[in-house]
PDB file of N, CA and C in Angstrom:
ATOM      1  N   MET A   1       7.262 -16.847  18.994  1.00  0.00           N
ATOM      2  CA  MET A   1       7.066 -15.621  18.234  1.00  0.00           C
ATOM      3  C   MET A   1       7.688 -14.463  19.011  1.00  0.00           C
ATOM      4  N   ASN A   2       8.510 -13.710  18.336  1.00  0.00           N
ATOM      5  CA  ASN A   2       9.183 -12.571  18.945  1.00  0.00           C
ATOM      6  C   ASN A   2       8.413 -11.279  18.789  1.00  0.00           C
ATOM      7  N   LEU A   3       7.443 -11.249  17.894  1.00  0.00           N
ATOM      8  CA  LEU A   3       6.737 -10.016  17.572  1.00  0.00           C
ATOM      9  C   LEU A   3       5.359  -9.993  18.226  1.00  0.00           C
ATOM     10  N   THR A   4       5.229  -9.152  19.248  1.00  0.00           N
ATOM     11  CA  THR A   4       3.940  -8.931  19.895  1.00  0.00           C
ATOM     12  C   THR A   4       3.779  -7.436  20.125  1.00  0.00           C
ATOM     13  N   ALA A   5       2.547  -6.997  20.222  1.00  0.00           N
ATOM     14  CA  ALA A   5       2.274  -5.584  20.480  1.00  0.00           C
ATOM     15  C   ALA A   5       2.902  -5.146  21.799  1.00  0.00           C
ATOM     16  N   GLU A   6       2.804  -5.995  22.798  1.00  0.00           N
ATOM     17  CA  GLU A   6       3.355  -5.660  24.112  1.00  0.00           C
ATOM     18  C   GLU A   6       4.868  -5.515  24.053  1.00  0.00           C
ATOM     19  N   LYS A   7       5.539  -6.404  23.339  1.00  0.00           N
ATOM     20  CA  LYS A   7       6.998  -6.356  23.240  1.00  0.00           C
ATOM     21  C   LYS A   7       7.453  -5.123  22.465  1.00  0.00           C
ATOM     22  N   VAL A   8       6.748  -4.800  21.381  1.00  0.00           N
ATOM     23  CA  VAL A   8       7.087  -3.601  20.610  1.00  0.00           C
ATOM     24  C   VAL A   8       6.933  -2.365  21.490  1.00  0.00           C
ATOM     25  N   HIS A   9       5.803  -2.258  22.172  1.00  0.00           N
ATOM     26  CA  HIS A   9       5.555  -1.064  22.981  1.00  0.00           C
ATOM     27  C   HIS A   9       6.544  -0.946  24.142  1.00  0.00           C
ATOM     28  N   SER A  10       6.835  -2.030  24.815  1.00  0.00           N
ATOM     29  CA  SER A  10       7.767  -1.951  25.945  1.00  0.00           C
ATOM     30  C   SER A  10       9.177  -1.606  25.468  1.00  0.00           C
ATOM     31  N   THR A  11       9.583  -2.130  24.318  1.00  0.00           N
ATOM     32  CA  THR A  11      10.897  -1.798  23.761  1.00  0.00           C
ATOM     33  C   THR A  11      10.936  -0.329  23.350  1.00  0.00           C
ATOM     34  N   PHE A  12       9.876   0.135  22.716  1.00  0.00           N
ATOM     35  CA  PHE A  12       9.765   1.543  22.312  1.00  0.00           C
ATOM     36  C   PHE A  12       9.897   2.453  23.530  1.00  0.00           C
ATOM     37  N   MET A  13       9.159   2.149  24.578  1.00  0.00           N
ATOM     38  CA  MET A  13       9.178   2.980  25.781  1.00  0.00           C
ATOM     39  C   MET A  13      10.556   2.942  26.458  1.00  0.00           C
ATOM     40  N   ASP A  14      11.201   1.791  26.454  1.00  0.00           N
ATOM     41  CA  ASP A  14      12.521   1.659  27.055  1.00  0.00           C
ATOM     42  C   ASP A  14      13.562   2.504  26.325  1.00  0.00           C
ATOM     43  N   CYS A  15      13.388   2.689  25.027  1.00  0.00           N
ATOM     44  CA  CYS A  15      14.363   3.424  24.220  1.00  0.00           C
ATOM     45  C   CYS A  15      14.160   4.939  24.256  1.00  0.00           C
ATOM     46  N   LEU A  16      13.065   5.398  24.828  1.00  0.00           N
ATOM     47  CA  LEU A  16      12.819   6.843  24.932  1.00  0.00           C
ATOM     48  C   LEU A  16      13.653   7.446  26.055  1.00  0.00           C
ATOM     49  N   PHE A  17      13.785   8.749  26.041  1.00  0.00           N
ATOM     50  CA  PHE A  17      14.460   9.455  27.124  1.00  0.00           C
ATOM     51  C   PHE A  17      13.549   9.513  28.335  1.00  0.00           C
ATOM     52  N   ASN A  18      14.151   9.453  29.507  1.00  0.00           N
ATOM     53  CA  ASN A  18      13.420   9.642  30.755  1.00  0.00           C
ATOM     54  C   ASN A  18      13.411  11.121  31.110  1.00  0.00           C
ATOM     55  N   ASP A  19      12.449  11.540  31.914  1.00  0.00           N
ATOM     56  CA  ASP A  19      12.383  12.927  32.367  1.00  0.00           C
ATOM     57  C   ASP A  19      13.711  13.339  32.979  1.00  0.00           C
ATOM     58  N   GLY A  20      14.196  14.505  32.572  1.00  0.00           N
ATOM     59  CA  GLY A  20      15.421  15.055  33.130  1.00  0.00           C
ATOM     60  C   GLY A  20      16.699  14.631  32.433  1.00  0.00           C
ATOM     61  N   GLU A  21      16.625  13.644  31.524  1.00  0.00           N
ATOM     62  CA  GLU A  21      17.832  13.221  30.804  1.00  0.00           C
ATOM     63  C   GLU A  21      18.168  14.224  29.700  1.00  0.00           C
ATOM     64  N   ASN A  22      19.454  14.405  29.470  1.00  0.00           N
ATOM     65  CA  ASN A  22      19.908  15.243  28.369  1.00  0.00           C
ATOM     66  C   ASN A  22      19.540  14.553  27.051  1.00  0.00           C
ATOM     67  N   THR A  23      18.832  15.242  26.195  1.00  0.00           N
ATOM     68  CA  THR A  23      18.362  14.643  24.939  1.00  0.00           C
ATOM     69  C   THR A  23      19.349  14.817  23.788  1.00  0.00           C
ATOM     70  N   GLU A  24      20.513  15.326  24.077  1.00  0.00           N
ATOM     71  CA  GLU A  24      21.571  15.417  23.077  1.00  0.00           C
ATOM     72  C   GLU A  24      22.714  14.528  23.541  1.00  0.00           C
ATOM     73  N   PRO A  25      23.223  13.648  22.760  1.00  0.00           N
ATOM     74  CA  PRO A  25      22.766  13.332  21.418  1.00  0.00           C
ATOM     75  C   PRO A  25      21.564  12.390  21.446  1.00  0.00           C
ATOM     76  N   HIS A  26      20.903  12.262  20.316  1.00  0.00           N
ATOM     77  CA  HIS A  26      19.769  11.347  20.198  1.00  0.00           C
ATOM     78  C   HIS A  26      19.808  10.686  18.827  1.00  0.00           C
ATOM     79  N   LYS A  27      19.074   9.599  18.701  1.00  0.00           N
ATOM     80  CA  LYS A  27      18.933   8.893  17.419  1.00  0.00           C
ATOM     81  C   LYS A  27      17.497   9.089  16.947  1.00  0.00           C
ATOM     82  N   ILE A  28      17.346   9.567  15.737  1.00  0.00           N
ATOM     83  CA  ILE A  28      16.024   9.827  15.167  1.00  0.00           C
ATOM     84  C   ILE A  28      15.456   8.552  14.553  1.00  0.00           C
ATOM     85  N   GLY A  29      14.191   8.299  14.850  1.00  0.00           N
ATOM     86  CA  GLY A  29      13.436   7.226  14.224  1.00  0.00           C
ATOM     87  C   GLY A  29      12.243   7.834  13.527  1.00  0.00           C
ATOM     88  N   ILE A  30      12.192   7.695  12.209  1.00  0.00           N
ATOM     89  CA  ILE A  30      11.096   8.273  11.418  1.00  0.00           C
ATOM     90  C   ILE A  30      10.061   7.196  11.158  1.00  0.00           C
ATOM     91  N   GLY A  31       8.837   7.501  11.529  1.00  0.00           N
ATOM     92  CA  GLY A  31       7.739   6.581  11.312  1.00  0.00           C
ATOM     93  C   GLY A  31       6.770   7.116  10.286  1.00  0.00           C
ATOM     94  N   VAL A  32       5.638   6.467  10.172  1.00  0.00           N
ATOM     95  CA  VAL A  32       4.585   6.887   9.256  1.00  0.00           C
ATOM     96  C   VAL A  32       3.824   8.072   9.848  1.00  0.00           C
ATOM     97  N   MET A  33       3.547   8.011  11.153  1.00  0.00           N
ATOM     98  CA  MET A  33       2.737   9.034  11.811  1.00  0.00           C
ATOM     99  C   MET A  33       3.516   9.892  12.791  1.00  0.00           C
ATOM    100  N   MET A  34       4.753   9.508  13.103  1.00  0.00           N
ATOM    101  CA  MET A  34       5.523  10.265  14.097  1.00  0.00           C
ATOM    102  C   MET A  34       7.015  10.149  13.819  1.00  0.00           C
ATOM    103  N   THR A  35       7.748  11.104  14.372  1.00  0.00           N
ATOM    104  CA  THR A  35       9.205  11.082  14.376  1.00  0.00           C
ATOM    105  C   THR A  35       9.630  11.168  15.829  1.00  0.00           C
ATOM    106  N   VAL A  36      10.568  10.305  16.216  1.00  0.00           N
ATOM    107  CA  VAL A  36      10.928  10.161  17.621  1.00  0.00           C
ATOM    108  C   VAL A  36      12.435  10.295  17.789  1.00  0.00           C
ATOM    109  N   GLY A  37      12.844  10.927  18.896  1.00  0.00           N
ATOM    110  CA  GLY A  37      14.249  10.955  19.282  1.00  0.00           C
ATOM    111  C   GLY A  37      14.481   9.910  20.373  1.00  0.00           C
ATOM    112  N   PHE A  38      15.322   8.925  20.090  1.00  0.00           N
ATOM    113  CA  PHE A  38      15.586   7.845  21.037  1.00  0.00           C
ATOM    114  C   PHE A  38      16.903   8.071  21.780  1.00  0.00           C
ATOM    115  N   HIS A  39      16.987   7.477  22.960  1.00  0.00           N
ATOM    116  CA  HIS A  39      18.222   7.463  23.746  1.00  0.00           C
ATOM    117  C   HIS A  39      19.189   6.513  23.042  1.00  0.00           C
ATOM    118  N   PRO A  40      20.364   6.994  22.584  1.00  0.00           N
ATOM    119  CA  PRO A  40      21.251   6.151  21.766  1.00  0.00           C
ATOM    120  C   PRO A  40      21.723   4.873  22.454  1.00  0.00           C
ATOM    121  N   GLN A  41      22.070   4.955  23.719  1.00  0.00           N
ATOM    122  CA  GLN A  41      22.594   3.774  24.421  1.00  0.00           C
ATOM    123  C   GLN A  41      21.514   2.719  24.606  1.00  0.00           C
ATOM    124  N   ARG A  42      20.318   3.138  25.016  1.00  0.00           N
ATOM    125  CA  ARG A  42      19.240   2.156  25.216  1.00  0.00           C
ATOM    126  C   ARG A  42      18.768   1.586  23.882  1.00  0.00           C
ATOM    127  N   LEU A  43      18.806   2.398  22.829  1.00  0.00           N
ATOM    128  CA  LEU A  43      18.462   1.891  21.496  1.00  0.00           C
ATOM    129  C   LEU A  43      19.466   0.808  21.082  1.00  0.00           C
ATOM    130  N   GLN A  44      20.739   1.067  21.315  1.00  0.00           N
ATOM    131  CA  GLN A  44      21.773   0.084  20.980  1.00  0.00           C
ATOM    132  C   GLN A  44      21.615  -1.189  21.816  1.00  0.00           C
ATOM    133  N   GLU A  45      21.284  -1.038  23.096  1.00  0.00           N
ATOM    134  CA  GLU A  45      21.087  -2.193  23.967  1.00  0.00           C
ATOM    135  C   GLU A  45      19.915  -3.056  23.507  1.00  0.00           C
ATOM    136  N   ASN A  46      18.929  -2.449  22.858  1.00  0.00           N
ATOM    137  CA  ASN A  46      17.740  -3.169  22.394  1.00  0.00           C
ATOM    138  C   ASN A  46      17.812  -3.558  20.919  1.00  0.00           C
ATOM    139  N   GLU A  47      18.924  -3.290  20.267  1.00  0.00           N
ATOM    140  CA  GLU A  47      19.023  -3.530  18.826  1.00  0.00           C
ATOM    141  C   GLU A  47      18.727  -4.980  18.440  1.00  0.00           C
ATOM    142  N   SER A  48      19.259  -5.940  19.172  1.00  0.00           N
ATOM    143  CA  SER A  48      19.016  -7.341  18.813  1.00  0.00           C
ATOM    144  C   SER A  48      17.539  -7.705  18.968  1.00  0.00           C
ATOM    145  N   VAL A  49      16.869  -7.148  19.964  1.00  0.00           N
ATOM    146  CA  VAL A  49      15.431  -7.388  20.160  1.00  0.00           C
ATOM    147  C   VAL A  49      14.642  -6.786  18.997  1.00  0.00           C
ATOM    148  N   ILE A  50      15.021  -5.583  18.584  1.00  0.00           N
ATOM    149  CA  ILE A  50      14.345  -4.910  17.466  1.00  0.00           C
ATOM    150  C   ILE A  50      14.523  -5.729  16.192  1.00  0.00           C
ATOM    151  N   ILE A  51      15.726  -6.209  15.951  1.00  0.00           N
ATOM    152  CA  ILE A  51      15.989  -7.023  14.754  1.00  0.00           C
ATOM    153  C   ILE A  51      15.175  -8.309  14.791  1.00  0.00           C
ATOM    154  N   GLU A  52      15.097  -8.957  15.948  1.00  0.00           N
ATOM    155  CA  GLU A  52      14.276 -10.173  16.068  1.00  0.00           C
ATOM    156  C   GLU A  52      12.819  -9.885  15.723  1.00  0.00           C
ATOM    157  N   MET A  53      12.302  -8.763  16.200  1.00  0.00           N
ATOM    158  CA  MET A  53      10.903  -8.417  15.906  1.00  0.00           C
ATOM    159  C   MET A  53      10.724  -8.132  14.428  1.00  0.00           C
ATOM    160  N   LEU A  54      11.648  -7.398  13.819  1.00  0.00           N
ATOM    161  CA  LEU A  54      11.567  -7.131  12.382  1.00  0.00           C
ATOM    162  C   LEU A  54      11.646  -8.422  11.579  1.00  0.00           C
ATOM    163  N   ASN A  55      12.437  -9.370  12.038  1.00  0.00           N
ATOM    164  CA  ASN A  55      12.574 -10.655  11.342  1.00  0.00           C
ATOM    165  C   ASN A  55      11.300 -11.495  11.419  1.00  0.00           C
ATOM    166  N   ASP A  56      10.406 -11.164  12.335  1.00  0.00           N
ATOM    167  CA  ASP A  56       9.127 -11.869  12.425  1.00  0.00           C
ATOM    168  C   ASP A  56       8.081 -11.321  11.462  1.00  0.00           C
ATOM    169  N   LEU A  57       8.412 -10.250  10.743  1.00  0.00           N
ATOM    170  CA  LEU A  57       7.498  -9.757   9.710  1.00  0.00           C
ATOM    171  C   LEU A  57       7.550 -10.708   8.512  1.00  0.00           C
ATOM    172  N   PRO A  58       6.507 -10.718   7.680  1.00  0.00           N
ATOM    173  CA  PRO A  58       6.514 -11.584   6.495  1.00  0.00           C
ATOM    174  C   PRO A  58       7.712 -11.305   5.587  1.00  0.00           C
ATOM    175  N   ASP A  59       8.143 -12.321   4.866  1.00  0.00           N
ATOM    176  CA  ASP A  59       9.280 -12.184   3.959  1.00  0.00           C
ATOM    177  C   ASP A  59       9.053 -11.116   2.899  1.00  0.00           C
ATOM    178  N   THR A  60       7.806 -10.796   2.592  1.00  0.00           N
ATOM    179  CA  THR A  60       7.526  -9.751   1.601  1.00  0.00           C
ATOM    180  C   THR A  60       8.088  -8.400   2.029  1.00  0.00           C
ATOM    181  N   PHE A  61       8.315  -8.200   3.323  1.00  0.00           N
ATOM    182  CA  PHE A  61       8.897  -6.957   3.815  1.00  0.00           C
ATOM    183  C   PHE A  61      10.414  -6.935   3.680  1.00  0.00           C
ATOM    184  N   LYS A  62      11.023  -8.094   3.491  1.00  0.00           N
ATOM    185  CA  LYS A  62      12.476  -8.201   3.486  1.00  0.00           C
ATOM    186  C   LYS A  62      13.050  -7.823   2.125  1.00  0.00           C
ATOM    187  N   LYS A  63      14.192  -7.150   2.169  1.00  0.00           N
ATOM    188  CA  LYS A  63      14.884  -6.753   0.942  1.00  0.00           C
ATOM    189  C   LYS A  63      15.174  -7.970   0.072  1.00  0.00           C
ATOM    190  N   GLU A  64      15.592  -9.057   0.698  1.00  0.00           N
ATOM    191  CA  GLU A  64      15.938 -10.282  -0.028  1.00  0.00           C
ATOM    192  C   GLU A  64      14.744 -11.226  -0.172  1.00  0.00           C
ATOM    193  N   GLY A  65      13.567 -10.822   0.301  1.00  0.00           N
ATOM    194  CA  GLY A  65      12.360 -11.652   0.183  1.00  0.00           C
ATOM    195  C   GLY A  65      11.482 -11.104  -0.914  1.00  0.00           C
ATOM    196  N   GLY A  66      10.575 -10.230  -0.527  1.00  0.00           N
ATOM    197  CA  GLY A  66       9.664  -9.644  -1.503  1.00  0.00           C
ATOM    198  C   GLY A  66      10.058  -8.256  -1.956  1.00  0.00           C
ATOM    199  N   GLY A  67      11.044  -7.664  -1.292  1.00  0.00           N
ATOM    200  CA  GLY A  67      11.518  -6.343  -1.696  1.00  0.00           C
ATOM    201  C   GLY A  67      10.791  -5.185  -1.065  1.00  0.00           C
ATOM    202  N   GLY A  68       9.816  -5.465  -0.208  1.00  0.00           N
ATOM    203  CA  GLY A  68       9.083  -4.403   0.481  1.00  0.00           C
ATOM    204  C   GLY A  68       7.581  -4.602   0.374  1.00  0.00           C
ATOM    205  N   MET A  69       6.867  -4.037   1.363  1.00  0.00           N
ATOM    206  CA  MET A  69       5.419  -4.230   1.420  1.00  0.00           C
ATOM    207  C   MET A  69       4.778  -3.008   2.066  1.00  0.00           C
ATOM    208  N   SER A  70       3.469  -2.904   1.889  1.00  0.00           N
ATOM    209  CA  SER A  70       2.702  -1.785   2.424  1.00  0.00           C
ATOM    210  C   SER A  70       2.628  -1.824   3.945  1.00  0.00           C
ATOM    211  N   PHE A  71       2.698  -0.661   4.548  1.00  0.00           N
ATOM    212  CA  PHE A  71       2.500  -0.498   5.981  1.00  0.00           C
ATOM    213  C   PHE A  71       1.187  -1.150   6.416  1.00  0.00           C
ATOM    214  N   LEU A  72       0.186  -1.145   5.554  1.00  0.00           N
ATOM    215  CA  LEU A  72      -1.117  -1.731   5.877  1.00  0.00           C
ATOM    216  C   LEU A  72      -1.022  -3.227   6.176  1.00  0.00           C
ATOM    217  N   ASN A  73      -0.030  -3.901   5.629  1.00  0.00           N
ATOM    218  CA  ASN A  73       0.140  -5.340   5.838  1.00  0.00           C
ATOM    219  C   ASN A  73       1.049  -5.668   7.013  1.00  0.00           C
ATOM    220  N   MET A  74       1.545  -4.648   7.684  1.00  0.00           N
ATOM    221  CA  MET A  74       2.510  -4.856   8.756  1.00  0.00           C
ATOM    222  C   MET A  74       1.894  -5.458  10.014  1.00  0.00           C
ATOM    223  N   CYS A  75       0.586  -5.486  10.102  1.00  0.00           N
ATOM    224  CA  CYS A  75      -0.072  -6.015  11.307  1.00  0.00           C
ATOM    225  C   CYS A  75      -0.028  -7.543  11.374  1.00  0.00           C
ATOM    226  N   GLN A  76       0.413  -8.198  10.303  1.00  0.00           N
ATOM    227  CA  GLN A  76       0.518  -9.655  10.262  1.00  0.00           C
ATOM    228  C   GLN A  76       1.974 -10.060  10.453  1.00  0.00           C
ATOM    229  N   ASN A  77       2.210 -11.172  11.133  1.00  0.00           N
ATOM    230  CA  ASN A  77       3.572 -11.686  11.267  1.00  0.00           C
ATOM    231  C   ASN A  77       3.849 -12.692  10.146  1.00  0.00           C
ATOM    232  N   LYS A  78       5.030 -13.303  10.175  1.00  0.00           N
ATOM    233  CA  LYS A  78       5.389 -14.219   9.090  1.00  0.00           C
ATOM    234  C   LYS A  78       4.581 -15.515   9.100  1.00  0.00           C
ATOM    235  N   GLU A  79       3.883 -15.805  10.208  1.00  0.00           N
ATOM    236  CA  GLU A  79       2.981 -16.958  10.268  1.00  0.00           C
ATOM    237  C   GLU A  79       1.558 -16.570   9.872  1.00  0.00           C
ATOM    238  N   ASP A  80       1.393 -15.344   9.398  1.00  0.00           N
ATOM    239  CA  ASP A  80       0.105 -14.801   8.957  1.00  0.00           C
ATOM    240  C   ASP A  80      -0.893 -14.624  10.107  1.00  0.00           C
ATOM    241  N   ASN A  81      -0.362 -14.378  11.299  1.00  0.00           N
ATOM    242  CA  ASN A  81      -1.206 -14.075  12.455  1.00  0.00           C
ATOM    243  C   ASN A  81      -1.133 -12.584  12.745  1.00  0.00           C
ATOM    244  N   GLN A  82      -2.253 -12.018  13.142  1.00  0.00           N
ATOM    245  CA  GLN A  82      -2.277 -10.599  13.469  1.00  0.00           C
ATOM    246  C   GLN A  82      -1.617 -10.372  14.829  1.00  0.00           C
ATOM    247  N   TRP A  83      -0.602  -9.511  14.854  1.00  0.00           N
ATOM    248  CA  TRP A  83       0.111  -9.228  16.100  1.00  0.00           C
ATOM    249  C   TRP A  83      -0.226  -7.838  16.647  1.00  0.00           C
ATOM    250  N   ALA A  84      -0.733  -6.950  15.798  1.00  0.00           N
ATOM    251  CA  ALA A  84      -1.028  -5.573  16.221  1.00  0.00           C
ATOM    252  C   ALA A  84      -2.445  -5.195  15.845  1.00  0.00           C
ATOM    253  N   ASP A  85      -3.107  -4.513  16.775  1.00  0.00           N
ATOM    254  CA  ASP A  85      -4.449  -4.004  16.506  1.00  0.00           C
ATOM    255  C   ASP A  85      -4.443  -2.539  16.087  1.00  0.00           C
ATOM    256  N   LEU A  86      -3.384  -1.819  16.446  1.00  0.00           N
ATOM    257  CA  LEU A  86      -3.337  -0.378  16.224  1.00  0.00           C
ATOM    258  C   LEU A  86      -2.204   0.017  15.285  1.00  0.00           C
ATOM    259  N   HIS A  87      -2.492   0.977  14.406  1.00  0.00           N
ATOM    260  CA  HIS A  87      -1.436   1.515  13.549  1.00  0.00           C
ATOM    261  C   HIS A  87      -0.337   2.154  14.384  1.00  0.00           C
ATOM    262  N   GLN A  88      -0.685   2.710  15.513  1.00  0.00           N
ATOM    263  CA  GLN A  88       0.303   3.345  16.391  1.00  0.00           C
ATOM    264  C   GLN A  88       1.360   2.331  16.846  1.00  0.00           C
ATOM    265  N   THR A  89       0.934   1.127  17.175  1.00  0.00           N
ATOM    266  CA  THR A  89       1.872   0.087  17.599  1.00  0.00           C
ATOM    267  C   THR A  89       2.785  -0.314  16.444  1.00  0.00           C
ATOM    268  N   MET A  90       2.218  -0.445  15.277  1.00  0.00           N
ATOM    269  CA  MET A  90       3.027  -0.758  14.096  1.00  0.00           C
ATOM    270  C   MET A  90       4.026   0.357  13.838  1.00  0.00           C
ATOM    271  N   ASP A  91       3.594   1.602  14.026  1.00  0.00           N
ATOM    272  CA  ASP A  91       4.478   2.738  13.791  1.00  0.00           C
ATOM    273  C   ASP A  91       5.610   2.796  14.814  1.00  0.00           C
ATOM    274  N   GLU A  92       5.371   2.317  16.018  1.00  0.00           N
ATOM    275  CA  GLU A  92       6.446   2.245  17.003  1.00  0.00           C
ATOM    276  C   GLU A  92       7.555   1.324  16.493  1.00  0.00           C
ATOM    277  N   LEU A  93       7.179   0.197  15.881  1.00  0.00           N
ATOM    278  CA  LEU A  93       8.173  -0.712  15.301  1.00  0.00           C
ATOM    279  C   LEU A  93       8.874  -0.056  14.113  1.00  0.00           C
ATOM    280  N   VAL A  94       8.136   0.694  13.310  1.00  0.00           N
ATOM    281  CA  VAL A  94       8.748   1.409  12.190  1.00  0.00           C
ATOM    282  C   VAL A  94       9.812   2.376  12.702  1.00  0.00           C
ATOM    283  N   CYS A  95       9.475   3.159  13.718  1.00  0.00           N
ATOM    284  CA  CYS A  95      10.429   4.121  14.283  1.00  0.00           C
ATOM    285  C   CYS A  95      11.666   3.426  14.826  1.00  0.00           C
ATOM    286  N   LEU A  96      11.478   2.338  15.559  1.00  0.00           N
ATOM    287  CA  LEU A  96      12.608   1.591  16.105  1.00  0.00           C
ATOM    288  C   LEU A  96      13.500   1.034  14.998  1.00  0.00           C
ATOM    289  N   GLY A  97      12.882   0.403  14.012  1.00  0.00           N
ATOM    290  CA  GLY A  97      13.650  -0.171  12.898  1.00  0.00           C
ATOM    291  C   GLY A  97      14.369   0.888  12.087  1.00  0.00           C
ATOM    292  N   ASN A  98      13.707   2.025  11.884  1.00  0.00           N
ATOM    293  CA  ASN A  98      14.323   3.123  11.139  1.00  0.00           C
ATOM    294  C   ASN A  98      15.503   3.700  11.910  1.00  0.00           C
ATOM    295  N   ALA A  99      15.365   3.835  13.219  1.00  0.00           N
ATOM    296  CA  ALA A  99      16.424   4.428  14.040  1.00  0.00           C
ATOM    297  C   ALA A  99      17.699   3.588  14.054  1.00  0.00           C
ATOM    298  N   ILE A 100      17.558   2.268  13.913  1.00  0.00           N
ATOM    299  CA  ILE A 100      18.756   1.419  13.893  1.00  0.00           C
ATOM    300  C   ILE A 100      19.232   1.132  12.465  1.00  0.00           C
ATOM    301  N   GLY A 101      18.569   1.727  11.478  1.00  0.00           N
ATOM    302  CA  GLY A 101      18.991   1.581  10.093  1.00  0.00           C
ATOM    303  C   GLY A 101      18.595   0.275   9.434  1.00  0.00           C
ATOM    304  N   LYS A 102      17.617  -0.420  10.006  1.00  0.00           N
ATOM    305  CA  LYS A 102      17.188  -1.721   9.458  1.00  0.00           C
ATOM    306  C   LYS A 102      15.864  -1.659   8.705  1.00  0.00           C
ATOM    307  N   LEU A 103      15.184  -0.519   8.741  1.00  0.00           N
ATOM    308  CA  LEU A 103      13.902  -0.377   8.058  1.00  0.00           C
ATOM    309  C   LEU A 103      13.877   0.978   7.369  1.00  0.00           C
ATOM    310  N   SER A 104      13.450   0.987   6.128  1.00  0.00           N
ATOM    311  CA  SER A 104      13.392   2.250   5.378  1.00  0.00           C
ATOM    312  C   SER A 104      12.141   2.285   4.506  1.00  0.00           C
ATOM    313  N   PHE A 105      11.856   3.462   4.021  1.00  0.00           N
ATOM    314  CA  PHE A 105      10.715   3.696   3.139  1.00  0.00           C
ATOM    315  C   PHE A 105      11.179   3.552   1.696  1.00  0.00           C
ATOM    316  N   LEU A 106      10.323   2.959   0.861  1.00  0.00           N
ATOM    317  CA  LEU A 106      10.713   2.724  -0.531  1.00  0.00           C
ATOM    318  C   LEU A 106      10.505   3.938  -1.418  1.00  0.00           C
ATOM    319  N   ILE A 107       9.590   4.819  -1.036  1.00  0.00           N
ATOM    320  CA  ILE A 107       9.370   6.024  -1.831  1.00  0.00           C
ATOM    321  C   ILE A 107       9.246   7.225  -0.897  1.00  0.00           C
ATOM    322  N   PRO A 108       9.502   8.422  -1.409  1.00  0.00           N
ATOM    323  CA  PRO A 108       9.432   9.618  -0.570  1.00  0.00           C
ATOM    324  C   PRO A 108       8.014   9.894  -0.048  1.00  0.00           C
ATOM    325  N   ARG A 109       7.963  10.498   1.119  1.00  0.00           N
ATOM    326  CA  ARG A 109       6.700  10.839   1.783  1.00  0.00           C
ATOM    327  C   ARG A 109       5.771  11.655   0.863  1.00  0.00           C
ATOM    328  N   GLU A 110       6.343  12.481   0.023  1.00  0.00           N
ATOM    329  CA  GLU A 110       5.557  13.367  -0.845  1.00  0.00           C
ATOM    330  C   GLU A 110       4.629  12.611  -1.805  1.00  0.00           C
ATOM    331  N   VAL A 111       4.921  11.339  -2.067  1.00  0.00           N
ATOM    332  CA  VAL A 111       4.081  10.579  -3.005  1.00  0.00           C
ATOM    333  C   VAL A 111       3.266   9.477  -2.330  1.00  0.00           C
ATOM    334  N   TRP A 112       3.315   9.408  -0.993  1.00  0.00           N
ATOM    335  CA  TRP A 112       2.538   8.394  -0.287  1.00  0.00           C
ATOM    336  C   TRP A 112       1.055   8.502  -0.601  1.00  0.00           C
ATOM    337  N   HIS A 113       0.568   9.700  -0.825  1.00  0.00           N
ATOM    338  CA  HIS A 113      -0.871   9.896  -1.072  1.00  0.00           C
ATOM    339  C   HIS A 113      -1.366   9.115  -2.284  1.00  0.00           C
ATOM    340  N   SER A 114      -0.465   8.760  -3.186  1.00  0.00           N
ATOM    341  CA  SER A 114      -0.873   8.022  -4.391  1.00  0.00           C
ATOM    342  C   SER A 114      -0.931   6.512  -4.171  1.00  0.00           C
ATOM    343  N   LEU A 115      -0.537   6.056  -3.007  1.00  0.00           N
ATOM    344  CA  LEU A 115      -0.528   4.628  -2.698  1.00  0.00           C
ATOM    345  C   LEU A 115      -1.823   4.207  -1.997  1.00  0.00           C
ATOM    346  N   PRO A 116      -2.157   2.928  -2.010  1.00  0.00           N
ATOM    347  CA  PRO A 116      -3.361   2.455  -1.315  1.00  0.00           C
ATOM    348  C   PRO A 116      -3.343   2.856   0.154  1.00  0.00           C
ATOM    349  N   GLY A 117      -4.397   3.508   0.601  1.00  0.00           N
ATOM    350  CA  GLY A 117      -4.507   3.953   1.985  1.00  0.00           C
ATOM    351  C   GLY A 117      -3.644   5.167   2.289  1.00  0.00           C
ATOM    352  N   GLY A 118      -2.899   5.659   1.298  1.00  0.00           N
ATOM    353  CA  GLY A 118      -2.035   6.809   1.499  1.00  0.00           C
ATOM    354  C   GLY A 118      -0.860   6.540   2.426  1.00  0.00           C
ATOM    355  N   VAL A 119      -0.472   5.272   2.524  1.00  0.00           N
ATOM    356  CA  VAL A 119       0.630   4.894   3.404  1.00  0.00           C
ATOM    357  C   VAL A 119       1.779   4.275   2.601  1.00  0.00           C
ATOM    358  N   PRO A 120       2.990   4.311   3.153  1.00  0.00           N
ATOM    359  CA  PRO A 120       4.165   3.899   2.392  1.00  0.00           C
ATOM    360  C   PRO A 120       4.366   2.395   2.321  1.00  0.00           C
ATOM    361  N   TYR A 121       5.268   2.047   1.431  1.00  0.00           N
ATOM    362  CA  TYR A 121       5.819   0.703   1.384  1.00  0.00           C
ATOM    363  C   TYR A 121       7.148   0.747   2.130  1.00  0.00           C
ATOM    364  N   LEU A 122       7.410  -0.297   2.907  1.00  0.00           N
ATOM    365  CA  LEU A 122       8.590  -0.372   3.762  1.00  0.00           C
ATOM    366  C   LEU A 122       9.421  -1.580   3.390  1.00  0.00           C
ATOM    367  N   VAL A 123      10.722  -1.480   3.663  1.00  0.00           N
ATOM    368  CA  VAL A 123      11.602  -2.613   3.431  1.00  0.00           C
ATOM    369  C   VAL A 123      12.519  -2.795   4.631  1.00  0.00           C
ATOM    370  N   VAL A 124      12.698  -4.057   5.014  1.00  0.00           N
ATOM    371  CA  VAL A 124      13.594  -4.429   6.110  1.00  0.00           C
ATOM    372  C   VAL A 124      14.861  -4.979   5.476  1.00  0.00           C
ATOM    373  N   SER A 125      15.991  -4.369   5.835  1.00  0.00           N
ATOM    374  CA  SER A 125      17.261  -4.823   5.241  1.00  0.00           C
ATOM    375  C   SER A 125      18.076  -5.617   6.250  1.00  0.00           C
TER     376      SER A 125
END
């Protein structure tokens, strides 16, 4: 299994800027609860790891599988095992996937409140 809370968090932290680094240019990753500016080179270096983790999500999240699923279901992997205990950890994966252009939101933020739990549906392309 490529998708673990520890792996997501360590990859997320590795892609952030270190103290004293120039933050321009940066790559934006938009999540459910946060927006993050990532270091472009380290994000690119971790792209294959991020894709592997996204591929461990259930097929319902995939564009060619189920077409997208609720953020609330993101805590389960494709083997139906819980990999994350915290929404924050799931959101770190959302930010990483969004920053590399592999994960997007199916509807605008302005209408999330009408969805179950007030959270978006996501799709992995």
